[in-house]
Structures are given as structure tokens and as C-alpha cells.
Amino acid sequence: DAGDYLEYMQRLGIDTSLVKVLPDTFTPQCFITTDLDSNQIAS
């Protein structure tokens, strides 16, 4: 599912040659909740 991320980096001029795509997996994902004190809880 990383196609748009790779295209985005390439548009910025970032070399993605060492970002390896593993087609039988999903891209890592972080779920972050931030409160009004800027504290974070992440999964």
C-alpha cells in the first residue's frame, strides 16, 4: 500500500532506491492520540 508514499518522496527528490517493497505485507502504521498538554499515546 506504499505506492503513494514512494511517489511523494520521489517528487521531493528523495532517493527511494533503498526502500524495499514487500508485496505480501502492509506498510507500518502508527496510531497516535495527542492531548492538550502535547502528551501522546501511540499504537
Full PDB file with SEQRES, HELIX, SHEET, SSBOND, CRYST1, ORIGX, SCALE, CONECT and MASTER records, all heavy atoms in Angstrom:
SEQRES   1 A   43  ASP ALA GLY ASP TYR LEU GLU TYR MET GLN ARG LEU GLY          
SEQRES   2 A   43  ILE ASP THR SER LEU VAL LYS VAL LEU PRO ASP THR PHE          
SEQRES   3 A   43  THR PRO GLN CYS PHE ILE THR THR ASP LEU ASP SER ASN          
SEQRES   4 A   43  GLN ILE ALA SER                                              
HELIX    1 AA1 GLY A    3  LEU A   12  1                                  10    
SHEET    1 AA1 2 ILE A  32  THR A  34  0                                        
SHEET    2 AA1 2 GLN A  40  ALA A  42 -1                                        
CRYST1    1.000    1.000    1.000  90.00  90.00  90.00 P 1           1          
ORIGX1      1.000000  0.000000  0.000000        0.00000                         
ORIGX2      0.000000  1.000000  0.000000        0.00000                         
ORIGX3      0.000000  0.000000  1.000000        0.00000                         
SCALE1      1.000000  0.000000  0.000000        0.00000                         
SCALE2      0.000000  1.000000  0.000000        0.00000                         
SCALE3      0.000000  0.000000  1.000000        0.00000                         
ATOM      1  N   ASP A   1       0.805  -1.218   0.000  1.00  0.00           N  
ATOM      2  CA  ASP A   1       0.000   0.000   0.000  1.00  0.00           C  
ATOM      3  C   ASP A   1       0.844   1.277   0.000  1.00  0.00           C  
ATOM      4  O   ASP A   1       0.322   2.369   0.220  1.00  0.00           O  
ATOM      5  CB  ASP A   1      -0.922   0.007   1.225  1.00  0.00           C  
ATOM      6  CG  ASP A   1      -0.166  -0.188   2.536  1.00  0.00           C  
ATOM      7  OD1 ASP A   1       0.964  -0.722   2.511  1.00  0.00           O  
ATOM      8  OD2 ASP A   1      -0.694   0.187   3.599  1.00  0.00           O  
ATOM      9  N   ALA A   2       2.152   1.179  -0.271  1.00  0.00           N  
ATOM     10  CA  ALA A   2       3.057   2.319  -0.112  1.00  0.00           C  
ATOM     11  C   ALA A   2       3.286   3.134  -1.384  1.00  0.00           C  
ATOM     12  O   ALA A   2       4.101   4.054  -1.378  1.00  0.00           O  
ATOM     13  CB  ALA A   2       4.406   1.832   0.411  1.00  0.00           C  
ATOM     14  N   GLY A   3       2.559   2.813  -2.460  1.00  0.00           N  
ATOM     15  CA  GLY A   3       2.834   3.475  -3.735  1.00  0.00           C  
ATOM     16  C   GLY A   3       2.791   4.988  -3.676  1.00  0.00           C  
ATOM     17  O   GLY A   3       3.682   5.672  -4.201  1.00  0.00           O  
ATOM     18  N   ASP A   4       1.755   5.537  -3.007  1.00  0.00           N  
ATOM     19  CA  ASP A   4       1.641   6.994  -2.973  1.00  0.00           C  
ATOM     20  C   ASP A   4       2.754   7.625  -2.146  1.00  0.00           C  
ATOM     21  O   ASP A   4       3.236   8.721  -2.464  1.00  0.00           O  
ATOM     22  CB  ASP A   4       0.270   7.421  -2.457  1.00  0.00           C  
ATOM     23  CG  ASP A   4      -0.024   6.931  -1.054  1.00  0.00           C  
ATOM     24  OD1 ASP A   4       0.468   5.845  -0.691  1.00  0.00           O  
ATOM     25  OD2 ASP A   4      -0.748   7.627  -0.315  1.00  0.00           O  
ATOM     26  N   TYR A   5       3.200   6.940  -1.088  1.00  0.00           N  
ATOM     27  CA  TYR A   5       4.285   7.472  -0.258  1.00  0.00           C  
ATOM     28  C   TYR A   5       5.591   7.505  -1.062  1.00  0.00           C  
ATOM     29  O   TYR A   5       6.328   8.499  -1.046  1.00  0.00           O  
ATOM     30  CB  TYR A   5       4.440   6.609   0.997  1.00  0.00           C  
ATOM     31  CG  TYR A   5       5.209   7.260   2.141  1.00  0.00           C  
ATOM     32  CD1 TYR A   5       5.131   6.731   3.421  1.00  0.00           C  
ATOM     33  CD2 TYR A   5       6.006   8.392   1.964  1.00  0.00           C  
ATOM     34  CE1 TYR A   5       5.809   7.313   4.489  1.00  0.00           C  
ATOM     35  CE2 TYR A   5       6.700   8.968   3.013  1.00  0.00           C  
ATOM     36  CZ  TYR A   5       6.594   8.421   4.272  1.00  0.00           C  
ATOM     37  OH  TYR A   5       7.290   8.995   5.322  1.00  0.00           O  
ATOM     38  N   LEU A   6       5.864   6.449  -1.795  1.00  0.00           N  
ATOM     39  CA  LEU A   6       7.088   6.398  -2.596  1.00  0.00           C  
ATOM     40  C   LEU A   6       7.069   7.478  -3.680  1.00  0.00           C  
ATOM     41  O   LEU A   6       8.078   8.161  -3.918  1.00  0.00           O  
ATOM     42  CB  LEU A   6       7.244   5.018  -3.226  1.00  0.00           C  
ATOM     43  CG  LEU A   6       7.511   3.864  -2.249  1.00  0.00           C  
ATOM     44  CD1 LEU A   6       7.493   2.520  -2.983  1.00  0.00           C  
ATOM     45  CD2 LEU A   6       8.843   4.048  -1.534  1.00  0.00           C  
ATOM     46  N   GLU A   7       5.930   7.651  -4.336  1.00  0.00           N  
ATOM     47  CA  GLU A   7       5.819   8.692  -5.362  1.00  0.00           C  
ATOM     48  C   GLU A   7       6.009  10.077  -4.760  1.00  0.00           C  
ATOM     49  O   GLU A   7       6.644  10.954  -5.358  1.00  0.00           O  
ATOM     50  CB  GLU A   7       4.451   8.592  -6.048  1.00  0.00           C  
ATOM     51  CG  GLU A   7       4.299   7.350  -6.912  1.00  0.00           C  
ATOM     52  CD  GLU A   7       2.893   7.188  -7.439  1.00  0.00           C  
ATOM     53  OE1 GLU A   7       2.064   8.121  -7.234  1.00  0.00           O  
ATOM     54  OE2 GLU A   7       2.594   6.142  -8.049  1.00  0.00           O  
ATOM     55  N   TYR A   8       5.451  10.282  -3.578  1.00  0.00           N  
ATOM     56  CA  TYR A   8       5.592  11.558  -2.867  1.00  0.00           C  
ATOM     57  C   TYR A   8       7.066  11.859  -2.573  1.00  0.00           C  
ATOM     58  O   TYR A   8       7.544  12.972  -2.836  1.00  0.00           O  
ATOM     59  CB  TYR A   8       4.769  11.473  -1.584  1.00  0.00           C  
ATOM     60  CG  TYR A   8       5.147  12.417  -0.466  1.00  0.00           C  
ATOM     61  CD1 TYR A   8       4.746  13.750  -0.481  1.00  0.00           C  
ATOM     62  CD2 TYR A   8       5.866  11.953   0.634  1.00  0.00           C  
ATOM     63  CE1 TYR A   8       5.074  14.606   0.568  1.00  0.00           C  
ATOM     64  CE2 TYR A   8       6.200  12.790   1.680  1.00  0.00           C  
ATOM     65  CZ  TYR A   8       5.798  14.122   1.642  1.00  0.00           C  
ATOM     66  OH  TYR A   8       6.130  14.955   2.685  1.00  0.00           O  
ATOM     67  N   MET A   9       7.803  10.877  -2.064  1.00  0.00           N  
ATOM     68  CA  MET A   9       9.224  11.098  -1.776  1.00  0.00           C  
ATOM     69  C   MET A   9      10.006  11.377  -3.053  1.00  0.00           C  
ATOM     70  O   MET A   9      10.889  12.244  -3.084  1.00  0.00           O  
ATOM     71  CB  MET A   9       9.811   9.892  -1.024  1.00  0.00           C  
ATOM     72  CG  MET A   9       9.401   9.819   0.428  1.00  0.00           C  
ATOM     73  SD  MET A   9      10.419   8.689   1.433  1.00  0.00           S  
ATOM     74  CE  MET A   9       9.782   7.120   0.902  1.00  0.00           C  
ATOM     75  N   GLN A  10       9.675  10.654  -4.105  1.00  0.00           N  
ATOM     76  CA  GLN A  10      10.375  10.861  -5.375  1.00  0.00           C  
ATOM     77  C   GLN A  10      10.114  12.258  -5.933  1.00  0.00           C  
ATOM     78  O   GLN A  10      11.019  12.888  -6.477  1.00  0.00           O  
ATOM     79  CB  GLN A  10       9.951   9.770  -6.369  1.00  0.00           C  
ATOM     80  CG  GLN A  10      10.491   8.392  -5.997  1.00  0.00           C  
ATOM     81  CD  GLN A  10       9.721   7.252  -6.645  1.00  0.00           C  
ATOM     82  OE1 GLN A  10       8.821   7.469  -7.454  1.00  0.00           O  
ATOM     83  NE2 GLN A  10      10.069   6.023  -6.288  1.00  0.00           N  
ATOM     84  N   ARG A  11       8.889  12.770  -5.765  1.00  0.00           N  
ATOM     85  CA  ARG A  11       8.589  14.133  -6.208  1.00  0.00           C  
ATOM     86  C   ARG A  11       9.410  15.161  -5.436  1.00  0.00           C  
ATOM     87  O   ARG A  11       9.777  16.216  -5.971  1.00  0.00           O  
ATOM     88  CB  ARG A  11       7.092  14.438  -6.044  1.00  0.00           C  
ATOM     89  CG  ARG A  11       6.192  13.746  -7.039  1.00  0.00           C  
ATOM     90  CD  ARG A  11       4.816  14.396  -7.086  1.00  0.00           C  
ATOM     91  NE  ARG A  11       4.163  14.424  -5.767  1.00  0.00           N  
ATOM     92  CZ  ARG A  11       3.382  13.463  -5.314  1.00  0.00           C  
ATOM     93  NH1 ARG A  11       3.153  12.378  -6.049  1.00  0.00           N  
ATOM     94  NH2 ARG A  11       2.817  13.572  -4.125  1.00  0.00           N  
ATOM     95  N   LEU A  12       9.702  14.860  -4.189  1.00  0.00           N  
ATOM     96  CA  LEU A  12      10.519  15.750  -3.369  1.00  0.00           C  
ATOM     97  C   LEU A  12      12.007  15.655  -3.729  1.00  0.00           C  
ATOM     98  O   LEU A  12      12.809  16.458  -3.256  1.00  0.00           O  
ATOM     99  CB  LEU A  12      10.352  15.412  -1.885  1.00  0.00           C  
ATOM    100  CG  LEU A  12       8.985  15.708  -1.261  1.00  0.00           C  
ATOM    101  CD1 LEU A  12       8.941  15.182   0.176  1.00  0.00           C  
ATOM    102  CD2 LEU A  12       8.674  17.196  -1.294  1.00  0.00           C  
ATOM    103  N   GLY A  13      12.361  14.661  -4.536  1.00  0.00           N  
ATOM    104  CA  GLY A  13      13.762  14.460  -4.899  1.00  0.00           C  
ATOM    105  C   GLY A  13      14.517  13.578  -3.936  1.00  0.00           C  
ATOM    106  O   GLY A  13      15.753  13.594  -3.904  1.00  0.00           O  
ATOM    107  N   ILE A  14      13.779  12.783  -3.155  1.00  0.00           N  
ATOM    108  CA  ILE A  14      14.409  11.860  -2.210  1.00  0.00           C  
ATOM    109  C   ILE A  14      14.635  10.519  -2.900  1.00  0.00           C  
ATOM    110  O   ILE A  14      13.724   9.959  -3.519  1.00  0.00           O  
ATOM    111  CB  ILE A  14      13.533  11.680  -0.955  1.00  0.00           C  
ATOM    112  CG1 ILE A  14      13.428  13.007  -0.189  1.00  0.00           C  
ATOM    113  CG2 ILE A  14      14.090  10.593  -0.041  1.00  0.00           C  
ATOM    114  CD1 ILE A  14      12.444  12.982   0.970  1.00  0.00           C  
ATOM    115  N   ASP A  15      15.840  10.003  -2.793  1.00  0.00           N  
ATOM    116  CA  ASP A  15      16.229   8.728  -3.387  1.00  0.00           C  
ATOM    117  C   ASP A  15      15.553   7.585  -2.635  1.00  0.00           C  
ATOM    118  O   ASP A  15      15.816   7.376  -1.448  1.00  0.00           O  
ATOM    119  CB  ASP A  15      17.755   8.603  -3.316  1.00  0.00           C  
ATOM    120  CG  ASP A  15      18.289   7.313  -3.942  1.00  0.00           C  
ATOM    121  OD1 ASP A  15      17.485   6.435  -4.306  1.00  0.00           O  
ATOM    122  OD2 ASP A  15      19.528   7.188  -4.041  1.00  0.00           O  
ATOM    123  N   THR A  16      14.674   6.834  -3.293  1.00  0.00           N  
ATOM    124  CA  THR A  16      13.956   5.737  -2.643  1.00  0.00           C  
ATOM    125  C   THR A  16      14.524   4.364  -3.015  1.00  0.00           C  
ATOM    126  O   THR A  16      13.865   3.343  -2.815  1.00  0.00           O  
ATOM    127  CB  THR A  16      12.462   5.780  -3.002  1.00  0.00           C  
ATOM    128  OG1 THR A  16      12.317   5.661  -4.428  1.00  0.00           O  
ATOM    129  CG2 THR A  16      11.819   7.069  -2.538  1.00  0.00           C  
ATOM    130  N   SER A  17      15.729   4.336  -3.556  1.00  0.00           N  
ATOM    131  CA  SER A  17      16.288   3.073  -4.045  1.00  0.00           C  
ATOM    132  C   SER A  17      16.515   2.055  -2.935  1.00  0.00           C  
ATOM    133  O   SER A  17      16.596   0.849  -3.209  1.00  0.00           O  
ATOM    134  CB  SER A  17      17.609   3.337  -4.790  1.00  0.00           C  
ATOM    135  OG  SER A  17      18.571   3.929  -3.929  1.00  0.00           O  
ATOM    136  N   LEU A  18      16.637   2.502  -1.683  1.00  0.00           N  
ATOM    137  CA  LEU A  18      16.855   1.578  -0.565  1.00  0.00           C  
ATOM    138  C   LEU A  18      15.607   1.399   0.298  1.00  0.00           C  
ATOM    139  O   LEU A  18      15.686   0.913   1.422  1.00  0.00           O  
ATOM    140  CB  LEU A  18      18.031   2.046   0.287  1.00  0.00           C  
ATOM    141  CG  LEU A  18      19.414   1.925  -0.368  1.00  0.00           C  
ATOM    142  CD1 LEU A  18      20.511   2.446   0.551  1.00  0.00           C  
ATOM    143  CD2 LEU A  18      19.706   0.483  -0.780  1.00  0.00           C  
ATOM    144  N   VAL A  19      14.457   1.782  -0.258  1.00  0.00           N  
ATOM    145  CA  VAL A  19      13.182   1.462   0.385  1.00  0.00           C  
ATOM    146  C   VAL A  19      12.633   0.229  -0.318  1.00  0.00           C  
ATOM    147  O   VAL A  19      12.255   0.287  -1.490  1.00  0.00           O  
ATOM    148  CB  VAL A  19      12.181   2.629   0.295  1.00  0.00           C  
ATOM    149  CG1 VAL A  19      10.854   2.239   0.952  1.00  0.00           C  
ATOM    150  CG2 VAL A  19      12.751   3.880   0.945  1.00  0.00           C  
ATOM    151  N   LYS A  20      12.623  -0.867   0.377  1.00  0.00           N  
ATOM    152  CA  LYS A  20      12.244  -2.151  -0.222  1.00  0.00           C  
ATOM    153  C   LYS A  20      10.755  -2.421  -0.035  1.00  0.00           C  
ATOM    154  O   LYS A  20      10.229  -2.314   1.080  1.00  0.00           O  
ATOM    155  CB  LYS A  20      13.060  -3.279   0.420  1.00  0.00           C  
ATOM    156  CG  LYS A  20      12.828  -4.654  -0.193  1.00  0.00           C  
ATOM    157  CD  LYS A  20      13.779  -5.687   0.409  1.00  0.00           C  
ATOM    158  CE  LYS A  20      13.616  -7.050  -0.255  1.00  0.00           C  
ATOM    159  NZ  LYS A  20      14.587  -8.044   0.277  1.00  0.00           N  
ATOM    160  N   VAL A  21      10.078  -2.773  -1.126  1.00  0.00           N  
ATOM    161  CA  VAL A  21       8.651  -3.085  -1.080  1.00  0.00           C  
ATOM    162  C   VAL A  21       8.476  -4.591  -0.892  1.00  0.00           C  
ATOM    163  O   VAL A  21       8.981  -5.387  -1.684  1.00  0.00           O  
ATOM    164  CB  VAL A  21       7.939  -2.630  -2.363  1.00  0.00           C  
ATOM    165  CG1 VAL A  21       6.453  -2.989  -2.296  1.00  0.00           C  
ATOM    166  CG2 VAL A  21       8.104  -1.128  -2.561  1.00  0.00           C  
ATOM    167  N   LEU A  22       7.751  -4.964   0.155  1.00  0.00           N  
ATOM    168  CA  LEU A  22       7.420  -6.372   0.416  1.00  0.00           C  
ATOM    169  C   LEU A  22       5.938  -6.544   0.097  1.00  0.00           C  
ATOM    170  O   LEU A  22       5.080  -6.147   0.892  1.00  0.00           O  
ATOM    171  CB  LEU A  22       7.711  -6.733   1.877  1.00  0.00           C  
ATOM    172  CG  LEU A  22       9.150  -6.496   2.338  1.00  0.00           C  
ATOM    173  CD1 LEU A  22       9.295  -6.809   3.821  1.00  0.00           C  
ATOM    174  CD2 LEU A  22      10.120  -7.352   1.526  1.00  0.00           C  
ATOM    175  N   PRO A  23       5.605  -7.124  -1.065  1.00  0.00           N  
ATOM    176  CA  PRO A  23       4.227  -7.101  -1.567  1.00  0.00           C  
ATOM    177  C   PRO A  23       3.222  -7.900  -0.749  1.00  0.00           C  
ATOM    178  O   PRO A  23       2.019  -7.724  -0.907  1.00  0.00           O  
ATOM    179  CB  PRO A  23       4.366  -7.668  -2.985  1.00  0.00           C  
ATOM    180  CG  PRO A  23       5.634  -8.461  -2.970  1.00  0.00           C  
ATOM    181  CD  PRO A  23       6.541  -7.761  -2.013  1.00  0.00           C  
ATOM    182  N   ASP A  24       3.685  -8.776   0.147  1.00  0.00           N  
ATOM    183  CA  ASP A  24       2.753  -9.581   0.936  1.00  0.00           C  
ATOM    184  C   ASP A  24       2.507  -8.991   2.316  1.00  0.00           C  
ATOM    185  O   ASP A  24       2.020  -9.674   3.227  1.00  0.00           O  
ATOM    186  CB  ASP A  24       3.281 -11.017   1.071  1.00  0.00           C  
ATOM    187  CG  ASP A  24       4.674 -11.073   1.685  1.00  0.00           C  
ATOM    188  OD1 ASP A  24       5.389 -10.046   1.642  1.00  0.00           O  
ATOM    189  OD2 ASP A  24       5.047 -12.145   2.208  1.00  0.00           O  
ATOM    190  N   THR A  25       2.812  -7.711   2.490  1.00  0.00           N  
ATOM    191  CA  THR A  25       2.624  -7.048   3.785  1.00  0.00           C  
ATOM    192  C   THR A  25       1.982  -5.680   3.590  1.00  0.00           C  
ATOM    193  O   THR A  25       1.865  -5.185   2.468  1.00  0.00           O  
ATOM    194  CB  THR A  25       3.979  -6.832   4.501  1.00  0.00           C  
ATOM    195  OG1 THR A  25       4.763  -5.911   3.730  1.00  0.00           O  
ATOM    196  CG2 THR A  25       4.751  -8.136   4.655  1.00  0.00           C  
ATOM    197  N   PHE A  26       1.590  -5.071   4.707  1.00  0.00           N  
ATOM    198  CA  PHE A  26       1.160  -3.685   4.708  1.00  0.00           C  
ATOM    199  C   PHE A  26       2.305  -2.801   5.195  1.00  0.00           C  
ATOM    200  O   PHE A  26       3.202  -3.247   5.911  1.00  0.00           O  
ATOM    201  CB  PHE A  26      -0.052  -3.478   5.628  1.00  0.00           C  
ATOM    202  CG  PHE A  26      -1.328  -4.048   5.088  1.00  0.00           C  
ATOM    203  CD1 PHE A  26      -1.908  -5.167   5.670  1.00  0.00           C  
ATOM    204  CD2 PHE A  26      -1.960  -3.456   4.006  1.00  0.00           C  
ATOM    205  CE1 PHE A  26      -3.081  -5.697   5.177  1.00  0.00           C  
ATOM    206  CE2 PHE A  26      -3.147  -3.979   3.499  1.00  0.00           C  
ATOM    207  CZ  PHE A  26      -3.705  -5.102   4.092  1.00  0.00           C  
ATOM    208  N   THR A  27       2.258  -1.540   4.811  1.00  0.00           N  
ATOM    209  CA  THR A  27       3.221  -0.564   5.309  1.00  0.00           C  
ATOM    210  C   THR A  27       2.974  -0.345   6.806  1.00  0.00           C  
ATOM    211  O   THR A  27       1.820  -0.334   7.246  1.00  0.00           O  
ATOM    212  CB  THR A  27       3.053   0.765   4.543  1.00  0.00           C  
ATOM    213  OG1 THR A  27       3.322   0.515   3.163  1.00  0.00           O  
ATOM    214  CG2 THR A  27       3.998   1.833   5.061  1.00  0.00           C  
ATOM    215  N   PRO A  28       4.030  -0.178   7.597  1.00  0.00           N  
ATOM    216  CA  PRO A  28       3.836   0.104   9.024  1.00  0.00           C  
ATOM    217  C   PRO A  28       2.905   1.291   9.235  1.00  0.00           C  
ATOM    218  O   PRO A  28       2.882   2.229   8.432  1.00  0.00           O  
ATOM    219  CB  PRO A  28       5.250   0.434   9.512  1.00  0.00           C  
ATOM    220  CG  PRO A  28       6.147  -0.265   8.553  1.00  0.00           C  
ATOM    221  CD  PRO A  28       5.448  -0.233   7.233  1.00  0.00           C  
ATOM    222  N   GLN A  29       2.141   1.243  10.306  1.00  0.00           N  
ATOM    223  CA  GLN A  29       1.231   2.346  10.601  1.00  0.00           C  
ATOM    224  C   GLN A  29       1.210   2.627  12.090  1.00  0.00           C  
ATOM    225  O   GLN A  29       1.105   1.708  12.915  1.00  0.00           O  
ATOM    226  CB  GLN A  29      -0.181   2.056  10.119  1.00  0.00           C  
ATOM    227  CG  GLN A  29      -1.125   3.217  10.349  1.00  0.00           C  
ATOM    228  CD  GLN A  29      -2.337   3.237   9.449  1.00  0.00           C  
ATOM    229  OE1 GLN A  29      -3.195   4.093   9.587  1.00  0.00           O  
ATOM    230  NE2 GLN A  29      -2.420   2.319   8.498  1.00  0.00           N  
ATOM    231  N   CYS A  30       1.311   3.916  12.420  1.00  0.00           N  
ATOM    232  CA  CYS A  30       1.277   4.355  13.806  1.00  0.00           C  
ATOM    233  C   CYS A  30      -0.028   5.107  14.054  1.00  0.00           C  
ATOM    234  O   CYS A  30      -0.423   5.964  13.252  1.00  0.00           O  
ATOM    235  CB  CYS A  30       2.472   5.268  14.106  1.00  0.00           C  
ATOM    236  SG  CYS A  30       2.681   5.620  15.862  1.00  0.00           S  
ATOM    237  N   PHE A  31      -0.700   4.759  15.137  1.00  0.00           N  
ATOM    238  CA  PHE A  31      -1.926   5.426  15.549  1.00  0.00           C  
ATOM    239  C   PHE A  31      -1.599   6.258  16.784  1.00  0.00           C  
ATOM    240  O   PHE A  31      -1.241   5.704  17.833  1.00  0.00           O  
ATOM    241  CB  PHE A  31      -3.012   4.402  15.860  1.00  0.00           C  
ATOM    242  CG  PHE A  31      -3.322   3.476  14.715  1.00  0.00           C  
ATOM    243  CD1 PHE A  31      -2.597   2.300  14.536  1.00  0.00           C  
ATOM    244  CD2 PHE A  31      -4.322   3.774  13.809  1.00  0.00           C  
ATOM    245  CE1 PHE A  31      -2.871   1.438  13.480  1.00  0.00           C  
ATOM    246  CE2 PHE A  31      -4.601   2.920  12.750  1.00  0.00           C  
ATOM    247  CZ  PHE A  31      -3.880   1.754  12.581  1.00  0.00           C  
ATOM    248  N   ILE A  32      -1.700   7.573  16.655  1.00  0.00           N  
ATOM    249  CA  ILE A  32      -1.239   8.481  17.704  1.00  0.00           C  
ATOM    250  C   ILE A  32      -2.396   9.350  18.186  1.00  0.00           C  
ATOM    251  O   ILE A  32      -3.106   9.953  17.379  1.00  0.00           O  
ATOM    252  CB  ILE A  32      -0.120   9.411  17.177  1.00  0.00           C  
ATOM    253  CG1 ILE A  32       1.057   8.589  16.656  1.00  0.00           C  
ATOM    254  CG2 ILE A  32       0.352  10.382  18.266  1.00  0.00           C  
ATOM    255  CD1 ILE A  32       2.059   9.398  15.844  1.00  0.00           C  
ATOM    256  N   THR A  33      -2.566   9.407  19.507  1.00  0.00           N  
ATOM    257  CA  THR A  33      -3.519  10.332  20.101  1.00  0.00           C  
ATOM    258  C   THR A  33      -2.744  11.326  20.960  1.00  0.00           C  
ATOM    259  O   THR A  33      -1.945  10.932  21.810  1.00  0.00           O  
ATOM    260  CB  THR A  33      -4.570   9.601  20.960  1.00  0.00           C  
ATOM    261  OG1 THR A  33      -5.275   8.670  20.138  1.00  0.00           O  
ATOM    262  CG2 THR A  33      -5.556  10.584  21.562  1.00  0.00           C  
ATOM    263  N   THR A  34      -2.979  12.612  20.720  1.00  0.00           N  
ATOM    264  CA  THR A  34      -2.294  13.692  21.435  1.00  0.00           C  
ATOM    265  C   THR A  34      -3.316  14.471  22.256  1.00  0.00           C  
ATOM    266  O   THR A  34      -4.424  14.739  21.773  1.00  0.00           O  
ATOM    267  CB  THR A  34      -1.611  14.654  20.437  1.00  0.00           C  
ATOM    268  OG1 THR A  34      -0.673  13.920  19.653  1.00  0.00           O  
ATOM    269  CG2 THR A  34      -0.884  15.771  21.159  1.00  0.00           C  
ATOM    270  N   ASP A  35      -2.952  14.828  23.506  1.00  0.00           N  
ATOM    271  CA  ASP A  35      -3.870  15.629  24.320  1.00  0.00           C  
ATOM    272  C   ASP A  35      -3.464  17.097  24.294  1.00  0.00           C  
ATOM    273  O   ASP A  35      -2.513  17.494  23.600  1.00  0.00           O  
ATOM    274  CB  ASP A  35      -3.980  15.071  25.741  1.00  0.00           C  
ATOM    275  CG  ASP A  35      -2.770  15.376  26.622  1.00  0.00           C  
ATOM    276  OD1 ASP A  35      -1.770  15.950  26.132  1.00  0.00           O  
ATOM    277  OD2 ASP A  35      -2.823  15.036  27.818  1.00  0.00           O  
ATOM    278  N   LEU A  36      -4.151  17.931  25.045  1.00  0.00           N  
ATOM    279  CA  LEU A  36      -3.913  19.367  25.009  1.00  0.00           C  
ATOM    280  C   LEU A  36      -2.610  19.772  25.692  1.00  0.00           C  
ATOM    281  O   LEU A  36      -2.183  20.923  25.563  1.00  0.00           O  
ATOM    282  CB  LEU A  36      -5.091  20.112  25.654  1.00  0.00           C  
ATOM    283  CG  LEU A  36      -6.430  19.990  24.911  1.00  0.00           C  
ATOM    284  CD1 LEU A  36      -7.505  20.804  25.615  1.00  0.00           C  
ATOM    285  CD2 LEU A  36      -6.297  20.430  23.454  1.00  0.00           C  
ATOM    286  N   ASP A  37      -1.983  18.841  26.421  1.00  0.00           N  
ATOM    287  CA  ASP A  37      -0.669  19.095  27.019  1.00  0.00           C  
ATOM    288  C   ASP A  37       0.453  18.604  26.108  1.00  0.00           C  
ATOM    289  O   ASP A  37       1.614  18.568  26.522  1.00  0.00           O  
ATOM    290  CB  ASP A  37      -0.545  18.396  28.385  1.00  0.00           C  
ATOM    291  CG  ASP A  37      -1.457  19.016  29.430  1.00  0.00           C  
ATOM    292  OD1 ASP A  37      -1.628  20.253  29.385  1.00  0.00           O  
ATOM    293  OD2 ASP A  37      -2.002  18.279  30.270  1.00  0.00           O  
ATOM    294  N   SER A  38       0.112  18.170  24.897  1.00  0.00           N  
ATOM    295  CA  SER A  38       1.068  17.617  23.933  1.00  0.00           C  
ATOM    296  C   SER A  38       1.637  16.266  24.365  1.00  0.00           C  
ATOM    297  O   SER A  38       2.676  15.833  23.877  1.00  0.00           O  
ATOM    298  CB  SER A  38       2.221  18.607  23.652  1.00  0.00           C  
ATOM    299  OG  SER A  38       1.718  19.779  23.058  1.00  0.00           O  
ATOM    300  N   ASN A  39       0.969  15.602  25.303  1.00  0.00           N  
ATOM    301  CA  ASN A  39       1.322  14.224  25.623  1.00  0.00           C  
ATOM    302  C   ASN A  39       0.756  13.311  24.534  1.00  0.00           C  
ATOM    303  O   ASN A  39      -0.231  13.657  23.880  1.00  0.00           O  
ATOM    304  CB  ASN A  39       0.748  13.819  26.984  1.00  0.00           C  
ATOM    305  CG  ASN A  39       1.324  14.644  28.107  1.00  0.00           C  
ATOM    306  OD1 ASN A  39       2.537  14.770  28.235  1.00  0.00           O  
ATOM    307  ND2 ASN A  39       0.464  15.227  28.924  1.00  0.00           N  
ATOM    308  N   GLN A  40       1.398  12.149  24.367  1.00  0.00           N  
ATOM    309  CA  GLN A  40       0.974  11.256  23.301  1.00  0.00           C  
ATOM    310  C   GLN A  40       0.774   9.834  23.804  1.00  0.00           C  
ATOM    311  O   GLN A  40       1.511   9.354  24.677  1.00  0.00           O  
ATOM    312  CB  GLN A  40       2.019  11.209  22.175  1.00  0.00           C  
ATOM    313  CG  GLN A  40       2.146  12.491  21.387  1.00  0.00           C  
ATOM    314  CD  GLN A  40       3.124  12.355  20.236  1.00  0.00           C  
ATOM    315  OE1 GLN A  40       4.028  11.534  20.268  1.00  0.00           O  
ATOM    316  NE2 GLN A  40       2.942  13.162  19.211  1.00  0.00           N  
ATOM    317  N   ILE A  41      -0.218   9.165  23.249  1.00  0.00           N  
ATOM    318  CA  ILE A  41      -0.395   7.719  23.409  1.00  0.00           C  
ATOM    319  C   ILE A  41      -0.390   7.140  22.002  1.00  0.00           C  
ATOM    320  O   ILE A  41      -1.152   7.589  21.140  1.00  0.00           O  
ATOM    321  CB  ILE A  41      -1.701   7.368  24.133  1.00  0.00           C  
ATOM    322  CG1 ILE A  41      -1.675   7.888  25.585  1.00  0.00           C  
ATOM    323  CG2 ILE A  41      -1.929   5.856  24.121  1.00  0.00           C  
ATOM    324  CD1 ILE A  41      -2.988   7.698  26.316  1.00  0.00           C  
ATOM    325  N   ALA A  42       0.482   6.176  21.758  1.00  0.00           N  
ATOM    326  CA  ALA A  42       0.633   5.651  20.400  1.00  0.00           C  
ATOM    327  C   ALA A  42       0.536   4.126  20.380  1.00  0.00           C  
ATOM    328  O   ALA A  42       0.930   3.442  21.331  1.00  0.00           O  
ATOM    329  CB  ALA A  42       1.975   6.086  19.820  1.00  0.00           C  
ATOM    330  N   SER A  43      -0.018   3.615  19.285  1.00  0.00           N  
ATOM    331  CA  SER A  43      -0.015   2.180  18.992  1.00  0.00           C  
ATOM    332  C   SER A  43       0.606   2.008  17.614  1.00  0.00           C  
ATOM    333  O   SER A  43       0.404   2.843  16.732  1.00  0.00           O  
ATOM    334  CB  SER A  43      -1.435   1.613  18.989  1.00  0.00           C  
ATOM    335  OG  SER A  43      -2.075   1.844  20.211  1.00  0.00           O  
TER     336      SER A  43                                                      
MASTER        0    0    0    1    2    0    0    6  335    1    0    4          
END                                                                             
